[in-house]
């Protein structure tokens, strides 16, 4: 150890010599552009990183070996490329089904479903609260009949499907299972991911139904059901993406997301589940923002922190329990209405960071998403961006190509240390549920968002085409996707037909059984599957449980 310290002291002495003999001469003649340099997270970036900056880093290690800093697979992308999973969902189930088939024909390897706001809030298309929102920010789904149309002609054994749904997520898992059963699929073969991350809703996205603890109970119901019946399905994607979009720094995204994951694991253990059985199916979802090296460091730190936490905090023995798998999406919040074609460059750089960070699947935003949902052309360019990275750049030829970089390793360790510091603060509240109830992560994110906006207004953070290089006349007019206002009429017709043709007595019966199950605290997945097969609607099921659980009202922080 003394020899290592001595060697590092020599390296630091070399840095000081360089600063005095070489650097200072240049600075005397040509000062640097700014007095200080900061990244997107407003953290200072040093002029130079050397071996002296790696004194306290965790061992770099090897890919495929604990603690997985360099990746969970020994061969990286040499064995298998990441899943190219473009997010899609708009208008009616028929229109989204067409988009799914179009993207698959262009080489997309996984489906990712966006649902509209009424579905996210547990409402049907005919709810007065749904007016003006049906099919606008995602596909409209009110009942199993809609779900059947959404995946018409798509065999669930042949494709993995990610579903972006949270508060009513257990219902959409029931839809998926019921459809797989109807198709005659082997439950041991169907795979996909349910977002199902209710904690980040209370922290950032604000689309909730029930109070936090009943909502957590429903999440653990899905864990238990999938472990027993659908072993290849991921019942949750713990989602830092929305935390980052709300204004969090990269470190806050990392820390709050992983601590949310820890909370879900703790609740699963308290249910009596074995960490080495259910945790391997927990997946994660991260943002890829503009600060290229910071993002790469974040992903590398995430794997290390998760591995150590599962091993040391929960006593995990199964390597898969310690191997973090994650999806990445480029940063929607970074896209600009001004000069929208600039977004193609932003997305490409962000996607490259996700690949160099070792993501398992990737969504690239379309350049027109600051204006509307993606057009066919914009979605195709986004997919082609991934394919160019995979097939033309050579970055997939070697594993963790930035491993050992002084800058990347120092940034990674800074992320690791900061993440564990946040863990300690959250543990001080008693856990993430209690921290959310106290408003801790919400306040941290609000402050970071405020500071970043002030930096943009002061032009300390540049947004090309917005606060620098702005133009009075746009060079390119973007043709945006228009959602037909008749989509609600179309959805109401199908919903009316469902309600008139189903056995309404059977629906009323199963909804009463659901209420009783909630009161008795049993796993509600089997009863929910029964309800959706009877064509009970999303809102009917959610309302039945509101009568037992109540609704969540956010306190003022």
Protein backbone atom coordinates (compact mmCIF):
# COMPACT_ATOMS: atom_id res chain seq x y z
CA UNK A 1 0.00 0.00 0.00
CA UNK A 2 2.82 2.40 0.84
CA UNK A 3 4.37 1.68 -2.57
CA UNK A 4 1.07 2.57 -4.28
CA UNK A 5 0.80 5.85 -2.34
CA UNK A 6 4.40 6.67 -3.18
CA UNK A 7 3.76 6.03 -6.87
CA UNK A 8 0.66 8.24 -6.83
CA UNK A 9 2.60 11.02 -5.08
CA UNK A 10 5.11 10.83 -7.89
CA UNK A 11 2.30 11.10 -10.42
CA UNK A 12 0.90 14.15 -8.64
CA UNK A 13 4.36 15.70 -8.64
CA UNK A 14 4.51 15.14 -12.39
CA UNK A 15 1.17 16.91 -12.81
CA UNK A 16 2.45 19.89 -10.83
CA UNK A 17 5.63 19.97 -12.93
CA UNK A 18 3.54 20.00 -16.15
CA UNK A 19 1.36 22.81 -14.80
CA UNK A 20 4.38 24.96 -14.00
CA UNK A 21 6.63 24.22 -16.96
CA UNK A 22 4.15 23.71 -19.83
CA UNK A 23 0.65 24.84 -18.96
CA UNK A 24 1.44 28.18 -17.36
CA UNK A 25 3.36 29.43 -20.40
CA UNK A 26 0.29 28.90 -22.57
CA UNK A 27 -2.11 30.41 -20.03
CA UNK A 28 0.04 33.52 -19.78
CA UNK A 29 -0.36 34.07 -23.54
CA UNK A 30 -3.83 32.64 -24.16
CA UNK A 31 -6.25 32.38 -21.22
CA UNK A 32 -8.90 29.67 -21.30
CA UNK A 33 -12.38 30.48 -22.61
CA UNK A 34 -13.95 30.50 -19.13
CA UNK A 35 -12.77 30.71 -15.54
CA UNK A 36 -14.55 27.45 -14.72
CA UNK A 37 -16.12 24.63 -16.69
CA UNK A 38 -19.26 22.77 -15.61
CA UNK A 39 -21.35 19.96 -17.05
CA UNK A 40 -25.12 19.68 -17.35
CA UNK A 41 -25.36 18.82 -13.65
CA UNK A 42 -23.46 22.06 -12.84
CA UNK A 43 -20.63 20.04 -11.31
CA UNK A 44 -17.12 21.43 -11.92
CA UNK A 45 -14.94 19.63 -14.48
CA UNK A 46 -11.17 19.72 -13.99
CA UNK A 47 -8.80 20.71 -16.77
CA UNK A 48 -6.99 17.38 -16.78
CA UNK A 49 -7.49 13.96 -15.19
CA UNK A 50 -4.49 11.74 -14.55
CA UNK A 51 -3.59 8.60 -12.67
CA UNK A 52 -3.36 10.77 -9.56
CA UNK A 53 -7.15 11.25 -9.71
CA UNK A 54 -7.77 7.50 -9.48
CA UNK A 55 -6.21 6.97 -6.06
CA UNK A 56 -9.46 6.08 -4.30
CA UNK A 57 -11.41 4.37 -7.08
CA UNK A 58 -12.86 0.90 -6.75
CA UNK A 59 -11.01 -1.69 -8.77
CA UNK A 60 -11.81 -1.44 -12.47
CA UNK A 61 -12.24 -5.20 -12.78
CA UNK A 62 -13.45 -7.22 -15.75
CA UNK A 63 -16.77 -7.43 -17.61
CA UNK A 64 -19.02 -10.24 -16.47
CA UNK A 65 -17.46 -10.29 -12.99
CA UNK A 66 -18.59 -8.73 -9.70
CA UNK A 67 -19.13 -5.81 -9.17
CA UNK A 68 -19.87 -5.48 -12.90
CA UNK A 69 -18.60 -1.94 -13.36
CA UNK A 70 -17.46 -2.87 -16.87
CA UNK A 71 -20.67 -4.67 -17.81
CA UNK A 72 -22.68 -7.76 -16.91
CA UNK A 73 -21.68 -9.73 -20.03
CA UNK A 74 -18.07 -10.82 -20.64
CA UNK A 75 -18.48 -10.33 -24.41
CA UNK A 76 -20.39 -7.03 -24.31
CA UNK A 77 -22.07 -6.40 -27.67
CA UNK A 78 -19.81 -8.88 -29.46
CA UNK A 79 -22.25 -11.61 -28.46
CA UNK A 80 -25.54 -9.72 -28.85
CA UNK A 81 -26.41 -6.14 -29.67
CA UNK A 82 -28.69 -4.13 -27.43
CA UNK A 83 -32.44 -4.37 -28.11
CA UNK A 84 -33.56 -1.51 -30.35
CA UNK A 85 -36.86 -0.73 -28.69
CA UNK A 86 -38.56 2.34 -30.15
CA UNK A 87 -41.35 3.80 -28.04
CA UNK A 88 -44.66 3.88 -29.92
CA UNK A 89 -48.24 4.62 -29.03
CA UNK A 90 -50.77 7.12 -30.29
CA UNK A 91 -54.38 7.48 -31.33
CA UNK A 92 -56.34 4.22 -31.51
CA UNK A 93 -55.11 0.66 -30.97
CA UNK A 94 -55.47 0.13 -34.74
CA UNK A 95 -53.11 3.01 -35.57
CA UNK A 96 -50.51 1.95 -33.01
CA UNK A 97 -50.70 -1.65 -34.25
CA UNK A 98 -49.81 -0.35 -37.72
CA UNK A 99 -46.83 1.60 -36.28
CA UNK A 100 -45.64 -1.51 -34.42
CA UNK A 101 -45.67 -3.56 -37.61
CA UNK A 102 -43.95 -0.76 -39.56
CA UNK A 103 -41.11 -0.50 -37.04
CA UNK A 104 -40.67 -4.27 -36.86
CA UNK A 105 -40.45 -4.40 -40.67
CA UNK A 106 -37.64 -1.82 -40.48
CA UNK A 107 -35.56 -3.95 -38.12
CA UNK A 108 -36.79 -2.96 -34.66
CA UNK A 109 -36.19 -5.82 -32.23
CA UNK A 110 -38.58 -5.00 -29.39
CA UNK A 111 -41.85 -3.15 -28.90
CA UNK A 112 -42.38 -0.36 -26.38
CA UNK A 113 -45.91 0.82 -25.73
CA UNK A 114 -46.93 4.34 -24.71
CA UNK A 115 -50.42 4.66 -23.25
CA UNK A 116 -52.49 7.84 -23.21
CA UNK A 117 -53.07 10.01 -20.15
CA UNK A 118 -56.50 8.57 -19.27
CA UNK A 119 -55.02 5.05 -19.18
CA UNK A 120 -52.09 6.27 -17.08
CA UNK A 121 -54.56 7.75 -14.59
CA UNK A 122 -56.81 4.67 -14.51
CA UNK A 123 -59.61 6.30 -16.51
CA UNK A 124 -61.69 5.06 -19.46
CA UNK A 125 -62.18 6.92 -22.71
CA UNK A 126 -65.75 7.80 -21.71
CA UNK A 127 -64.78 9.50 -18.45
CA UNK A 128 -65.51 13.25 -18.42
CA UNK A 129 -61.93 13.71 -17.18
CA UNK A 130 -60.61 12.03 -20.36
CA UNK A 131 -62.08 14.52 -22.80
CA UNK A 132 -59.39 16.09 -24.97
CA UNK A 133 -56.76 13.53 -23.96
CA UNK A 134 -57.90 10.27 -25.58
CA UNK A 135 -55.11 8.93 -27.80
CA UNK A 136 -53.11 12.16 -27.60
CA UNK A 137 -49.92 11.25 -25.72
CA UNK A 138 -50.18 7.50 -26.27
CA UNK A 139 -52.53 4.78 -27.36
CA UNK A 140 -56.04 4.68 -25.86
CA UNK A 141 -56.83 1.44 -23.98
CA UNK A 142 -59.91 1.08 -21.78
CA UNK A 143 -60.59 -2.66 -21.90
CA UNK A 144 -59.24 -6.02 -23.02
CA UNK A 145 -61.00 -5.46 -26.36
CA UNK A 146 -58.65 -2.52 -27.04
CA UNK A 147 -55.64 -4.59 -25.98
CA UNK A 148 -56.61 -7.41 -28.36
CA UNK A 149 -56.65 -4.96 -31.27
CA UNK A 150 -53.39 -3.33 -30.16
CA UNK A 151 -51.47 -6.60 -30.54
CA UNK A 152 -53.49 -8.12 -33.35
CA UNK A 153 -51.23 -10.28 -35.51
CA UNK A 154 -48.30 -10.00 -33.07
CA UNK A 155 -47.37 -13.23 -31.29
CA UNK A 156 -46.26 -12.46 -27.75
CA UNK A 157 -43.86 -15.43 -27.80
CA UNK A 158 -41.95 -13.86 -30.72
CA UNK A 159 -41.36 -10.33 -29.42
CA UNK A 160 -40.57 -8.64 -26.12
CA UNK A 161 -42.96 -5.85 -25.20
CA UNK A 162 -42.31 -3.01 -22.78
CA UNK A 163 -45.37 -1.27 -21.34
CA UNK A 164 -45.11 2.26 -19.98
CA UNK A 165 -47.83 2.16 -17.36
CA UNK A 166 -47.55 2.71 -13.62
CA UNK A 167 -50.50 3.37 -11.32
CA UNK A 168 -52.77 0.78 -13.05
CA UNK A 169 -49.80 -1.40 -14.12
CA UNK A 170 -51.13 -4.60 -12.56
CA UNK A 171 -54.20 -4.34 -14.83
CA UNK A 172 -52.03 -4.09 -17.94
CA UNK A 173 -50.02 -7.10 -16.82
CA UNK A 174 -53.37 -8.89 -16.54
CA UNK A 175 -54.21 -7.80 -20.12
CA UNK A 176 -50.87 -9.17 -21.30
CA UNK A 177 -51.28 -12.50 -19.52
CA UNK A 178 -54.89 -12.87 -20.72
CA UNK A 179 -53.85 -12.18 -24.32
CA UNK A 180 -50.93 -14.61 -24.10
CA UNK A 181 -53.33 -17.26 -22.82
CA UNK A 182 -55.77 -16.50 -25.65
CA UNK A 183 -52.94 -16.84 -28.20
CA UNK A 184 -51.95 -20.18 -26.68
CA UNK A 185 -48.51 -18.92 -25.64
CA UNK A 186 -46.25 -20.80 -23.24
CA UNK A 187 -46.05 -18.59 -20.14
CA UNK A 188 -42.45 -19.72 -19.66
CA UNK A 189 -41.55 -18.19 -23.03
CA UNK A 190 -43.29 -14.83 -23.03
CA UNK A 191 -41.10 -11.93 -22.00
CA UNK A 192 -41.31 -8.19 -21.68
CA UNK A 193 -41.23 -5.43 -19.12
CA UNK A 194 -43.88 -3.59 -17.13
CA UNK A 195 -42.76 -0.13 -16.01
CA UNK A 196 -44.80 -0.38 -12.79
CA UNK A 197 -42.58 2.08 -10.86
CA UNK A 198 -45.03 3.86 -8.60
CA UNK A 199 -42.43 5.53 -6.40
CA UNK A 200 -41.12 7.71 -9.22
CA UNK A 201 -44.71 8.83 -9.84
CA UNK A 202 -44.88 10.35 -6.37
CA UNK A 203 -41.36 11.77 -6.83
CA UNK A 204 -41.52 13.14 -10.36
CA UNK A 205 -44.24 12.24 -12.86
CA UNK A 206 -47.30 12.74 -10.62
CA UNK A 207 -49.61 10.15 -12.22
CA UNK A 208 -50.94 8.24 -9.24
CA UNK A 209 -54.21 6.78 -7.97
CA UNK A 210 -53.84 5.29 -4.48
CA UNK A 211 -51.89 6.21 -1.36
CA UNK A 212 -48.26 5.07 -1.42
CA UNK A 213 -48.43 1.93 0.71
CA UNK A 214 -51.44 0.29 -1.01
CA UNK A 215 -49.82 1.16 -4.33
CA UNK A 216 -46.60 -0.54 -3.20
CA UNK A 217 -48.67 -3.60 -2.26
CA UNK A 218 -49.96 -3.86 -5.84
CA UNK A 219 -46.40 -3.67 -7.19
CA UNK A 220 -45.30 -6.56 -4.99
CA UNK A 221 -48.36 -8.54 -6.13
CA UNK A 222 -46.94 -8.37 -9.66
CA UNK A 223 -43.50 -9.48 -8.43
CA UNK A 224 -45.00 -12.50 -6.70
CA UNK A 225 -47.24 -13.43 -9.64
CA UNK A 226 -44.49 -13.17 -12.27
CA UNK A 227 -42.00 -15.13 -10.18
CA UNK A 228 -44.51 -17.98 -9.89
CA UNK A 229 -46.13 -17.93 -13.34
CA UNK A 230 -44.25 -15.80 -15.92
CA UNK A 231 -40.57 -16.34 -15.08
CA UNK A 232 -39.07 -14.48 -18.07
CA UNK A 233 -41.18 -11.36 -17.60
CA UNK A 234 -39.77 -8.27 -15.86
CA UNK A 235 -42.52 -7.03 -13.49
CA UNK A 236 -40.86 -3.63 -13.02
CA UNK A 237 -38.61 -1.16 -14.75
CA UNK A 238 -37.37 1.15 -12.01
CA UNK A 239 -37.37 4.42 -13.87
CA UNK A 240 -34.85 7.15 -13.35
CA UNK A 241 -35.78 8.57 -16.73
CA UNK A 242 -38.73 10.60 -15.42
CA UNK A 243 -36.79 11.71 -12.35
CA UNK A 244 -34.16 13.18 -14.70
CA UNK A 245 -36.77 14.75 -16.96
CA UNK A 246 -38.22 16.51 -13.89
CA UNK A 247 -34.89 18.32 -13.40
CA UNK A 248 -32.71 15.96 -11.34
CA UNK A 249 -28.96 15.89 -11.83
CA UNK A 250 -27.29 12.73 -13.11
CA UNK A 251 -26.30 11.84 -9.55
CA UNK A 252 -29.83 12.39 -8.21
CA UNK A 253 -31.26 10.28 -11.02
CA UNK A 254 -28.82 7.51 -10.14
CA UNK A 255 -29.31 7.67 -6.38
CA UNK A 256 -33.09 8.05 -6.25
CA UNK A 257 -33.63 5.36 -8.88
CA UNK A 258 -31.42 2.80 -7.18
CA UNK A 259 -32.86 3.61 -3.77
CA UNK A 260 -36.35 3.12 -5.23
CA UNK A 261 -35.11 -0.27 -6.39
CA UNK A 262 -33.83 -1.07 -2.91
CA UNK A 263 -37.25 -0.16 -1.49
CA UNK A 264 -39.02 -2.57 -3.84
CA UNK A 265 -36.59 -5.32 -2.89
CA UNK A 266 -37.17 -4.64 0.81
CA UNK A 267 -40.95 -4.82 0.37
CA UNK A 268 -40.55 -8.07 -1.58
CA UNK A 269 -38.43 -9.58 1.19
CA UNK A 270 -41.01 -8.51 3.76
CA UNK A 271 -43.64 -10.33 1.66
CA UNK A 272 -41.55 -13.48 2.18
CA UNK A 273 -39.92 -13.64 -1.25
CA UNK A 274 -36.36 -14.84 -1.87
CA UNK A 275 -34.10 -12.09 -3.28
CA UNK A 276 -32.32 -14.62 -5.48
CA UNK A 277 -35.63 -15.61 -7.06
CA UNK A 278 -37.37 -12.30 -7.76
CA UNK A 279 -34.65 -9.64 -7.96
CA UNK A 280 -33.09 -11.02 -11.19
CA UNK A 281 -36.26 -9.92 -13.00
CA UNK A 282 -36.05 -6.33 -11.75
CA UNK A 283 -34.89 -4.04 -14.55
CA UNK A 284 -34.01 -0.36 -14.67
CA UNK A 285 -34.62 2.56 -17.02
CA UNK A 286 -32.21 5.49 -17.29
CA UNK A 287 -32.02 8.78 -19.15
CA UNK A 288 -29.23 9.58 -21.62
CA UNK A 289 -28.63 13.32 -21.37
CA UNK A 290 -26.21 15.70 -23.07
CA UNK A 291 -23.19 15.44 -20.77
CA UNK A 292 -21.52 12.57 -22.62
CA UNK A 293 -18.93 11.34 -20.12
CA UNK A 294 -21.11 11.98 -17.07
CA UNK A 295 -23.80 9.74 -18.52
CA UNK A 296 -21.35 6.92 -19.24
CA UNK A 297 -20.00 7.19 -15.69
CA UNK A 298 -23.55 7.07 -14.33
CA UNK A 299 -24.30 3.74 -16.00
CA UNK A 300 -21.01 2.19 -14.86
CA UNK A 301 -21.61 3.42 -11.30
CA UNK A 302 -25.18 2.08 -11.35
CA UNK A 303 -24.00 -1.49 -11.98
CA UNK A 304 -21.41 -1.30 -9.22
CA UNK A 305 -23.74 0.22 -6.62
CA UNK A 306 -26.52 -2.28 -7.36
CA UNK A 307 -24.18 -5.26 -7.19
CA UNK A 308 -22.66 -4.20 -3.88
CA UNK A 309 -26.04 -3.32 -2.37
CA UNK A 310 -27.63 -6.65 -3.31
CA UNK A 311 -24.66 -8.58 -1.95
CA UNK A 312 -23.94 -6.60 1.20
CA UNK A 313 -27.41 -5.35 2.18
CA UNK A 314 -29.54 -8.33 1.15
CA UNK A 315 -27.05 -11.21 1.17
CA UNK A 316 -27.63 -12.12 -2.47
CA UNK A 317 -25.76 -15.18 -3.71
CA UNK A 318 -27.11 -15.55 -7.24
CA UNK A 319 -24.89 -13.57 -9.67
CA UNK A 320 -27.99 -12.57 -11.66
CA UNK A 321 -29.39 -10.86 -8.57
CA UNK A 322 -26.35 -8.59 -8.57
CA UNK A 323 -26.31 -7.94 -12.32
CA UNK A 324 -28.16 -4.74 -13.14
CA UNK A 325 -29.98 -4.77 -16.49
CA UNK A 326 -31.24 -1.47 -17.83
CA UNK A 327 -32.97 0.24 -20.72
CA UNK A 328 -31.94 3.72 -21.86
CA UNK A 329 -33.87 6.49 -23.58
CA UNK A 330 -32.38 9.67 -24.94
CA UNK A 331 -33.40 12.85 -23.12
CA UNK A 332 -36.76 14.18 -24.26
CA UNK A 333 -36.27 17.26 -22.12
CA UNK A 334 -33.18 18.19 -24.13
CA UNK A 335 -35.09 18.38 -27.43
CA UNK A 336 -35.90 21.83 -28.72
CA UNK A 337 -38.76 23.28 -30.73
CA UNK A 338 -36.30 25.75 -32.24
CA UNK A 339 -34.24 24.28 -35.10
CA UNK A 340 -35.67 20.79 -34.54
CA UNK A 341 -33.22 19.06 -36.90
CA UNK A 342 -30.50 19.83 -34.33
CA UNK A 343 -32.21 17.18 -32.22
CA UNK A 344 -30.92 14.46 -34.57
CA UNK A 345 -27.36 15.28 -33.48
CA UNK A 346 -28.33 15.47 -29.81
CA UNK A 347 -30.04 12.10 -29.95
CA UNK A 348 -27.10 10.43 -31.72
CA UNK A 349 -24.62 11.63 -29.09
CA UNK A 350 -26.89 10.66 -26.21
CA UNK A 351 -27.51 7.22 -27.72
CA UNK A 352 -23.77 6.70 -28.13
CA UNK A 353 -23.32 7.43 -24.41
CA UNK A 354 -25.92 4.76 -23.61
CA UNK A 355 -24.09 2.22 -25.77
CA UNK A 356 -20.67 3.06 -24.34
CA UNK A 357 -22.24 2.75 -20.89
CA UNK A 358 -23.41 -0.79 -21.67
CA UNK A 359 -27.20 -0.50 -21.95
CA UNK A 360 -29.24 -3.65 -22.66
CA UNK A 361 -31.87 -1.83 -24.73
CA UNK A 362 -32.25 1.62 -26.19
CA UNK A 363 -34.90 4.04 -27.40
CA UNK A 364 -33.81 7.01 -29.50
CA UNK A 365 -36.13 10.02 -29.47
CA UNK A 366 -37.39 11.39 -32.75
CA UNK A 367 -36.30 14.89 -33.75
CA UNK A 368 -39.88 16.18 -33.84
CA UNK A 369 -40.92 15.10 -30.33
CA UNK A 370 -40.72 18.62 -28.91
CA UNK A 371 -43.52 19.44 -31.35
CA UNK A 372 -45.72 16.33 -31.35
CA UNK A 373 -45.68 12.56 -31.23
CA UNK A 374 -43.19 11.16 -33.79
CA UNK A 375 -44.04 11.02 -37.47
CA UNK A 376 -43.16 7.86 -39.42
CA UNK A 377 -40.14 9.54 -41.00
CA UNK A 378 -38.81 10.90 -37.70
CA UNK A 379 -39.26 7.52 -35.99
CA UNK A 380 -37.35 5.85 -38.82
CA UNK A 381 -34.44 8.30 -38.54
CA UNK A 382 -34.32 7.61 -34.80
CA UNK A 383 -34.16 3.86 -35.43
CA UNK A 384 -31.54 4.29 -38.16
CA UNK A 385 -29.43 6.28 -35.65
CA UNK A 386 -29.17 3.19 -33.48
CA UNK A 387 -28.41 0.98 -36.46
CA UNK A 388 -25.60 3.30 -37.61
CA UNK A 389 -24.07 3.22 -34.12
CA UNK A 390 -24.30 -0.58 -34.10
CA UNK A 391 -23.14 -1.29 -37.63
CA UNK A 392 -20.86 1.56 -38.72
CA UNK A 393 -18.99 3.14 -35.79
CA UNK A 394 -17.10 0.15 -34.41
CA UNK A 395 -18.02 1.00 -30.79
CA UNK A 396 -19.65 -2.42 -30.33
CA UNK A 397 -16.46 -4.28 -31.23
CA UNK A 398 -14.86 -4.16 -27.79
CA UNK A 399 -16.19 -4.30 -24.23
CA UNK A 400 -16.30 -1.10 -22.13
CA UNK A 401 -13.90 0.81 -24.40
CA UNK A 402 -13.64 3.74 -21.95
CA UNK A 403 -12.72 1.56 -18.98
CA UNK A 404 -9.45 2.80 -17.50
CA UNK A 405 -9.91 6.36 -18.74
CA UNK A 406 -8.73 8.59 -15.90
CA UNK A 407 -11.66 10.96 -16.43
CA UNK A 408 -14.33 8.28 -16.76
CA UNK A 409 -13.04 6.28 -13.79
CA UNK A 410 -12.83 9.40 -11.59
CA UNK A 411 -16.36 10.41 -12.62
CA UNK A 412 -17.64 6.89 -12.00
CA UNK A 413 -16.22 6.86 -8.48
CA UNK A 414 -17.68 10.30 -7.78
CA UNK A 415 -21.07 8.93 -8.79
CA UNK A 416 -20.65 5.85 -6.59
CA UNK A 417 -19.67 7.87 -3.52
CA UNK A 418 -22.46 10.41 -4.06
CA UNK A 419 -25.01 7.66 -4.52
CA UNK A 420 -24.16 5.96 -1.24
CA UNK A 421 -24.28 9.36 0.51
CA UNK A 422 -27.88 9.78 -0.72
CA UNK A 423 -28.66 6.23 0.43
CA UNK A 424 -27.57 7.20 3.94
CA UNK A 425 -29.79 10.29 3.92
CA UNK A 426 -32.82 8.32 2.71
CA UNK A 427 -32.21 5.55 5.23
CA UNK A 428 -32.28 8.29 7.86
CA UNK A 429 -35.95 8.88 6.99
CA UNK A 430 -36.66 5.17 7.46
CA UNK A 431 -36.70 4.30 3.74
CA UNK A 432 -37.74 5.72 0.39
CA UNK A 433 -41.47 5.59 1.10
CA UNK A 434 -40.96 7.70 4.22
CA UNK A 435 -38.54 10.04 2.37
CA UNK A 436 -41.15 10.60 -0.37
CA UNK A 437 -43.85 11.24 2.22
CA UNK A 438 -41.56 13.86 3.75
CA UNK A 439 -40.90 15.40 0.31
CA UNK A 440 -37.12 14.90 0.40
CA UNK A 441 -36.39 13.76 -3.18
CA UNK A 442 -39.03 16.15 -4.53
CA UNK A 443 -37.31 19.14 -2.93
CA UNK A 444 -33.87 18.02 -4.11
CA UNK A 445 -35.08 17.77 -7.71
CA UNK A 446 -36.93 21.11 -7.56
CA UNK A 447 -33.76 22.87 -6.43
CA UNK A 448 -31.63 21.25 -9.14
CA UNK A 449 -34.16 22.15 -11.84
CA UNK A 450 -34.24 25.74 -10.62
CA UNK A 451 -30.46 26.09 -10.58
CA UNK A 452 -30.13 24.63 -14.09
CA UNK A 453 -32.77 26.99 -15.50
CA UNK A 454 -31.01 29.97 -13.94
CA UNK A 455 -27.72 28.81 -15.52
CA UNK A 456 -29.45 28.64 -18.92
CA UNK A 457 -30.89 32.13 -18.46
CA UNK A 458 -27.43 33.43 -17.52
CA UNK A 459 -26.07 31.64 -20.62
CA UNK A 460 -23.68 29.66 -18.46
CA UNK A 461 -25.29 26.56 -19.98
CA UNK A 462 -25.61 26.71 -23.75
CA UNK A 463 -28.58 25.33 -25.67
CA UNK A 464 -27.71 25.63 -29.33
CA UNK A 465 -30.47 27.34 -31.29
CA UNK A 466 -32.16 28.62 -28.12
CA UNK A 467 -29.87 30.85 -26.06
CA UNK A 468 -27.01 30.80 -28.60
CA UNK A 469 -27.02 30.65 -32.40
CA UNK A 470 -30.73 31.43 -32.46
CA UNK A 471 -32.36 32.27 -35.80
CA UNK A 472 -35.40 34.36 -36.61
CA UNK A 473 -36.35 32.15 -39.57
CA UNK A 474 -36.44 28.38 -39.35
CA UNK A 475 -34.55 26.59 -42.12
CA UNK A 476 -36.78 23.54 -41.97
CA UNK A 477 -40.52 23.28 -41.58
CA UNK A 478 -41.42 20.08 -39.76
CA UNK A 479 -44.51 18.14 -40.78
CA UNK A 480 -45.84 16.83 -37.49
CA UNK A 481 -48.11 13.93 -36.66
CA UNK A 482 -51.71 15.04 -36.24
CA UNK A 483 -54.02 13.00 -34.00
CA UNK A 484 -57.50 12.73 -35.48
CA UNK A 485 -60.01 14.28 -33.08
CA UNK A 486 -62.39 11.44 -33.98
CA UNK A 487 -60.26 8.95 -32.07
CA UNK A 488 -62.37 9.48 -28.93
CA UNK A 489 -65.54 8.83 -30.90
CA UNK A 490 -64.02 5.64 -32.26
CA UNK A 491 -62.95 4.51 -28.79
CA UNK A 492 -66.35 5.29 -27.29
CA UNK A 493 -68.04 3.15 -29.95
CA UNK A 494 -65.90 0.13 -29.06
CA UNK A 495 -66.33 0.74 -25.33
CA UNK A 496 -70.12 0.96 -25.70
CA UNK A 497 -70.09 -2.26 -27.71
CA UNK A 498 -68.02 -4.03 -25.03
CA UNK A 499 -70.36 -2.94 -22.26
CA UNK A 500 -73.45 -3.97 -24.18
CA UNK A 501 -72.17 -7.42 -25.20
CA UNK A 502 -70.37 -8.58 -22.04
CA UNK A 503 -72.00 -10.36 -19.10
CA UNK A 504 -72.49 -7.37 -16.81
CA UNK A 505 -73.56 -9.61 -13.94
CA UNK A 506 -70.23 -11.46 -14.15
CA UNK A 507 -68.40 -8.12 -14.21
CA UNK A 508 -70.19 -6.87 -11.09
CA UNK A 509 -69.44 -10.16 -9.37
CA UNK A 510 -65.71 -10.11 -10.09
CA UNK A 511 -65.41 -6.45 -9.07
CA UNK A 512 -66.95 -7.33 -5.71
CA UNK A 513 -64.46 -10.19 -5.40
CA UNK A 514 -61.66 -7.70 -6.12
CA UNK A 515 -62.86 -5.41 -3.33
CA UNK A 516 -63.02 -8.32 -0.92
CA UNK A 517 -59.56 -9.48 -1.99
CA UNK A 518 -58.17 -6.00 -1.33
CA UNK A 519 -59.79 -5.93 2.09
CA UNK A 520 -58.31 -9.36 2.89
CA UNK A 521 -54.89 -8.31 1.56
CA UNK A 522 -54.53 -11.23 -0.88
CA UNK A 523 -52.56 -11.11 -4.13
CA UNK A 524 -54.92 -9.38 -6.58
CA UNK A 525 -53.37 -10.57 -9.86
CA UNK A 526 -55.54 -13.70 -10.32
CA UNK A 527 -58.73 -11.75 -9.61
CA UNK A 528 -57.65 -8.95 -11.94
CA UNK A 529 -56.97 -11.43 -14.75
CA UNK A 530 -60.47 -12.80 -14.17
CA UNK A 531 -61.86 -9.25 -14.33
CA UNK A 532 -60.17 -8.27 -17.60
CA UNK A 533 -61.22 -11.55 -19.24
CA UNK A 534 -64.80 -10.62 -18.29
CA UNK A 535 -64.13 -7.25 -20.03
CA UNK A 536 -64.27 -5.13 -16.91
CA UNK A 537 -62.70 -1.80 -17.87
CA UNK A 538 -59.61 -0.12 -16.50
CA UNK A 539 -61.63 2.53 -14.69
CA UNK A 540 -64.09 0.02 -13.25
CA UNK A 541 -61.26 -2.02 -11.75
CA UNK A 542 -59.46 1.06 -10.42
CA UNK A 543 -62.67 2.42 -8.92
CA UNK A 544 -63.37 -0.86 -7.15
CA UNK A 545 -60.04 -0.57 -5.34
CA UNK A 546 -60.45 3.15 -4.66
CA UNK A 547 -63.37 2.17 -2.47
CA UNK A 548 -60.93 0.14 -0.33
CA UNK A 549 -57.63 2.01 -0.61
CA UNK A 550 -58.77 5.63 -1.04
CA UNK A 551 -56.90 8.12 -3.22
CA UNK A 552 -53.58 9.91 -2.83
CA UNK A 553 -53.46 13.64 -2.29
CA UNK A 554 -49.99 15.16 -2.37
CA UNK A 555 -49.19 17.37 0.62
CA UNK A 556 -47.68 20.81 0.04
CA UNK A 557 -43.89 20.67 0.40
